[in-house]
Amino acid sequence: MTPPDLDPTEPDAADHRQADWDRYRQLDTLIDHWHRPGWSQGRRSYHWIVRFDGYPAVREHAAHCQQRLRHLPTLDLVPATGLHLTLQRVAFTDEVTTADVHDVVAAAHGRCAAIPPVTVSVGPLAGSAGAVRFSVGPHHPIRQIRAATQAAIVEVLGSQALPTRATPFVPHVSIAYNNTPANAQPVIEQVAALRPLGTVTVEVRAIDLVELRRDGATYAWSPFATVPLTGHTG
């Protein structure tokens, strides 16, 4: 069953990198990323993510950019251990049973068995109102993986359990979160100077379900399950 809010055949923008940058550079103000409804102190949430903390090329690329952003007081830098691409939230841990989460994982295993590993480019740097982040693409295979996680949630918990998004899904890897409302221009100018650093290319072979939590001015997670992408191309 395909979730009702996603068409996995949706085409990429002609250039997702340029589209990301065009959206970002038109911002006038930045928001406080940490002001998020539902995230009370100590609350945790199950999320499907692609982990990039195990890719040295991504870590080095992020570290190089962060070094040039470190002087900006409105940014909280993401530690190397926290680099990730969020695919889909399942539920807050107090809203679902552990048995149901295991069933979601089993359903995802079955669906991801048909999806082959995906080669993606990470970069160049762009952003959103709440973060400085790398563009990631191509979008289509990432959306296919996300559709598999959504379908697994719907299969176990029903369509009403699928969390909705206030903004469209755009694949990205954040390297810094904005910590206060601010004028966007000074940060955008710094990001523009870093865009020529370009991209790195990696192969994504698995996705992870993690128990996500706030840890000060960053996110941390406890691994719950890893689901490999085991399909074949051709």
Protein backbone atom coordinates (compact mmCIF):
# COMPACT_ATOMS: atom_id res chain seq x y z
CA MET A 1 0.00 0.00 0.00
CA THR A 2 1.42 3.38 -1.01
CA PRO A 3 0.83 6.10 1.61
CA PRO A 4 -1.64 8.71 0.34
CA ASP A 5 0.73 11.68 0.72
CA LEU A 6 3.52 10.39 -1.49
CA ASP A 7 3.79 9.54 -5.18
CA PRO A 8 7.03 7.56 -5.55
CA THR A 9 7.11 8.40 -9.27
CA GLU A 10 7.39 12.14 -8.53
CA PRO A 11 10.23 13.44 -10.72
CA ASP A 12 13.28 15.26 -9.42
CA ALA A 13 13.62 18.95 -9.98
CA ALA A 14 15.75 19.61 -13.05
CA ASP A 15 18.56 20.39 -10.60
CA HIS A 16 17.76 19.65 -6.96
CA ARG A 17 20.94 21.42 -5.82
CA GLN A 18 19.96 24.66 -7.50
CA ALA A 19 16.37 24.35 -6.30
CA ASP A 20 17.58 23.97 -2.69
CA TRP A 21 19.84 26.98 -3.01
CA ASP A 22 17.17 29.14 -4.65
CA ARG A 23 14.75 28.44 -1.78
CA TYR A 24 17.37 29.16 0.84
CA ARG A 25 18.79 32.39 -0.55
CA GLN A 26 15.31 33.91 -0.75
CA LEU A 27 14.80 33.69 3.03
CA ASP A 28 14.64 36.92 5.00
CA THR A 29 14.62 35.48 8.52
CA LEU A 30 15.73 32.32 10.30
CA ILE A 31 13.79 30.52 13.02
CA ASP A 32 14.75 28.71 16.22
CA HIS A 33 15.01 25.07 15.15
CA TRP A 34 14.66 23.87 18.74
CA HIS A 35 11.21 25.43 19.22
CA ARG A 36 9.30 22.34 18.09
CA PRO A 37 5.80 21.36 19.30
CA GLY A 38 5.63 17.99 21.03
CA TRP A 39 9.31 17.78 21.99
CA SER A 40 9.05 18.19 25.74
CA GLN A 41 12.07 17.59 27.98
CA GLY A 42 13.08 13.94 27.95
CA ARG A 43 10.60 12.86 25.26
CA ARG A 44 11.89 10.43 22.64
CA SER A 45 10.75 9.46 19.18
CA TYR A 46 11.25 6.59 16.74
CA HIS A 47 12.66 7.76 13.41
CA TRP A 48 13.77 6.10 10.19
CA ILE A 49 17.06 7.70 9.14
CA VAL A 50 20.04 7.24 6.87
CA ARG A 51 23.13 7.46 9.05
CA PHE A 52 26.12 9.31 7.64
CA ASP A 53 28.29 9.21 10.74
CA GLY A 54 30.01 6.12 9.33
CA TYR A 55 31.07 7.76 6.06
CA PRO A 56 34.49 9.45 6.45
CA ALA A 57 34.04 11.54 3.30
CA VAL A 58 30.80 13.05 4.62
CA ARG A 59 32.29 13.65 8.06
CA GLU A 60 35.31 15.43 6.58
CA HIS A 61 33.14 17.52 4.25
CA ALA A 62 30.92 18.55 7.15
CA ALA A 63 33.89 19.34 9.40
CA HIS A 64 35.48 21.54 6.75
CA CYS A 65 32.29 23.56 6.35
CA GLN A 66 31.63 23.75 10.09
CA GLN A 67 35.08 25.17 10.71
CA ARG A 68 34.12 28.14 8.56
CA LEU A 69 30.77 28.57 10.31
CA ARG A 70 31.99 28.17 13.88
CA HIS A 71 32.11 31.91 14.54
CA LEU A 72 28.36 32.38 14.00
CA PRO A 73 26.65 32.46 17.44
CA THR A 74 23.20 31.66 16.03
CA LEU A 75 24.31 28.17 14.90
CA ASP A 76 24.61 24.94 16.92
CA LEU A 77 26.96 22.63 15.03
CA VAL A 78 25.99 18.98 14.54
CA PRO A 79 28.61 16.56 15.90
CA ALA A 80 30.09 14.05 13.45
CA THR A 81 28.26 11.28 15.29
CA GLY A 82 24.92 12.97 14.57
CA LEU A 83 25.09 13.36 10.79
CA HIS A 84 21.96 11.84 9.25
CA LEU A 85 19.15 12.17 6.73
CA THR A 86 15.69 11.88 8.28
CA LEU A 87 13.34 9.73 6.22
CA GLN A 88 10.23 9.38 8.37
CA ARG A 89 9.12 9.66 11.97
CA VAL A 90 7.19 6.64 13.21
CA ALA A 91 5.85 7.96 16.54
CA PHE A 92 6.87 9.27 19.91
CA THR A 93 7.88 6.37 22.14
CA ASP A 94 4.94 7.03 24.47
CA GLU A 95 2.49 6.66 21.59
CA VAL A 96 3.39 3.16 20.37
CA THR A 97 4.27 -0.22 21.86
CA THR A 98 7.65 -1.87 21.40
CA ALA A 99 5.90 -4.87 19.83
CA ASP A 100 4.33 -2.63 17.20
CA VAL A 101 7.71 -1.06 16.45
CA HIS A 102 9.20 -4.53 15.91
CA ASP A 103 6.35 -5.25 13.49
CA VAL A 104 7.09 -2.00 11.62
CA VAL A 105 10.71 -3.09 11.29
CA ALA A 106 9.67 -6.50 9.96
CA ALA A 107 7.39 -4.86 7.40
CA ALA A 108 10.19 -2.53 6.33
CA HIS A 109 12.56 -5.49 5.91
CA GLY A 110 10.18 -7.03 3.41
CA ARG A 111 9.78 -3.85 1.42
CA CYS A 112 13.45 -2.84 1.43
CA ALA A 113 14.44 -6.28 0.16
CA ALA A 114 13.32 -5.06 -3.27
CA ILE A 115 15.28 -1.78 -3.14
CA PRO A 116 18.94 -1.81 -4.25
CA PRO A 117 21.68 0.26 -2.58
CA VAL A 118 21.56 3.90 -3.65
CA THR A 119 24.46 6.10 -4.75
CA VAL A 120 23.86 9.69 -3.62
CA SER A 121 25.70 12.99 -3.71
CA VAL A 122 25.94 14.92 -0.45
CA GLY A 123 26.36 18.64 -1.03
CA PRO A 124 26.78 21.41 -1.87
CA LEU A 125 25.80 23.43 1.17
CA ALA A 126 22.41 25.15 1.31
CA GLY A 127 19.87 25.50 4.10
CA SER A 128 16.39 26.10 5.42
CA ALA A 129 14.84 28.53 7.88
CA GLY A 130 16.03 26.33 10.75
CA ALA A 131 19.29 24.77 9.58
CA VAL A 132 22.39 24.87 7.42
CA ARG A 133 22.43 21.63 5.47
CA PHE A 134 23.81 19.69 2.54
CA SER A 135 21.57 18.94 -0.42
CA VAL A 136 21.26 15.20 -1.04
CA GLY A 137 20.19 13.56 -4.27
CA PRO A 138 19.02 12.29 -6.62
CA HIS A 139 15.68 12.57 -4.89
CA HIS A 140 13.75 9.79 -6.60
CA PRO A 141 15.52 6.76 -5.03
CA ILE A 142 15.46 8.44 -1.62
CA ARG A 143 11.73 8.99 -1.97
CA GLN A 144 11.33 5.31 -2.87
CA ILE A 145 13.07 4.32 0.35
CA ARG A 146 10.95 6.76 2.32
CA ALA A 147 7.80 5.35 0.69
CA ALA A 148 8.83 1.89 1.91
CA THR A 149 9.12 3.14 5.51
CA GLN A 150 5.78 4.91 5.26
CA ALA A 151 4.08 1.83 3.85
CA ALA A 152 5.51 -0.25 6.71
CA ILE A 153 4.04 2.18 9.24
CA VAL A 154 0.65 2.12 7.52
CA GLU A 155 0.67 -1.69 7.32
CA VAL A 156 1.14 -2.05 11.08
CA LEU A 157 -0.39 1.07 12.62
CA GLY A 158 -2.88 2.23 9.98
CA SER A 159 -2.88 5.31 7.76
CA GLN A 160 -4.03 7.54 10.61
CA ALA A 161 -0.71 6.87 12.39
CA LEU A 162 1.41 8.29 9.59
CA PRO A 163 2.71 11.64 10.88
CA THR A 164 2.03 14.54 8.56
CA ARG A 165 4.54 17.18 7.51
CA ALA A 166 4.08 20.93 7.59
CA THR A 167 6.57 21.31 4.72
CA PRO A 168 7.46 19.18 1.68
CA PHE A 169 10.03 16.40 2.15
CA VAL A 170 13.42 17.55 0.83
CA PRO A 171 16.35 15.12 1.35
CA HIS A 172 19.18 16.80 3.27
CA VAL A 173 21.89 16.36 5.90
CA SER A 174 22.00 19.17 8.46
CA ILE A 175 25.41 20.30 9.75
CA ALA A 176 24.15 23.15 11.98
CA TYR A 177 20.83 24.15 13.54
CA ASN A 178 19.71 27.72 14.00
CA ASN A 179 19.17 28.47 17.68
CA THR A 180 17.37 31.83 17.61
CA PRO A 181 15.24 33.99 15.29
CA ALA A 182 17.70 36.01 13.22
CA ASN A 183 18.34 37.92 10.04
CA ALA A 184 19.05 35.30 7.36
CA GLN A 185 21.49 37.29 5.25
CA PRO A 186 24.70 36.93 7.33
CA VAL A 187 24.35 33.13 7.42
CA ILE A 188 23.37 32.88 3.76
CA GLU A 189 26.47 34.86 2.80
CA GLN A 190 28.69 32.43 4.73
CA VAL A 191 26.97 29.45 3.13
CA ALA A 192 27.36 30.97 -0.34
CA ALA A 193 31.12 31.16 0.18
CA LEU A 194 31.20 27.43 1.01
CA ARG A 195 29.13 26.16 -1.91
CA PRO A 196 32.18 25.84 -4.22
CA LEU A 197 33.42 23.04 -1.93
CA GLY A 198 30.94 20.90 -3.85
CA THR A 199 29.78 17.36 -3.12
CA VAL A 200 30.92 13.93 -2.01
CA THR A 201 29.46 10.69 -3.37
CA VAL A 202 28.59 7.69 -1.19
CA GLU A 203 26.60 4.48 -1.47
CA VAL A 204 23.72 4.01 0.98
CA ARG A 205 23.32 0.31 1.74
CA ALA A 206 20.93 0.38 4.72
CA ILE A 207 18.53 2.49 6.73
CA ASP A 208 18.20 2.61 10.51
CA LEU A 209 15.34 2.90 12.93
CA VAL A 210 16.55 4.86 15.94
CA GLU A 211 15.16 6.15 19.21
CA LEU A 212 15.85 9.86 18.87
CA ARG A 213 16.21 12.30 21.75
CA ARG A 214 17.35 15.82 22.44
CA ASP A 215 20.76 16.04 24.09
CA GLY A 216 21.38 19.70 24.85
CA ALA A 217 21.61 21.64 21.59
CA THR A 218 21.83 18.57 19.39
CA TYR A 219 20.14 15.26 18.65
CA ALA A 220 21.36 11.87 19.82
CA TRP A 221 19.98 8.42 19.19
CA SER A 222 19.95 4.85 20.37
CA PRO A 223 19.90 2.30 17.50
CA PHE A 224 16.80 0.11 17.37
CA ALA A 225 17.17 -1.78 14.06
CA THR A 226 19.10 -1.73 10.80
CA VAL A 227 17.36 -2.67 7.57
CA PRO A 228 19.58 -3.39 4.55
CA LEU A 229 18.74 -2.41 0.98
CA THR A 230 19.18 -5.77 -0.75
CA GLY A 231 17.46 -5.37 -4.12
CA HIS A 232 19.27 -5.79 -7.44
CA THR A 233 19.54 -3.33 -10.30
CA GLY A 234 18.80 -4.27 -13.87
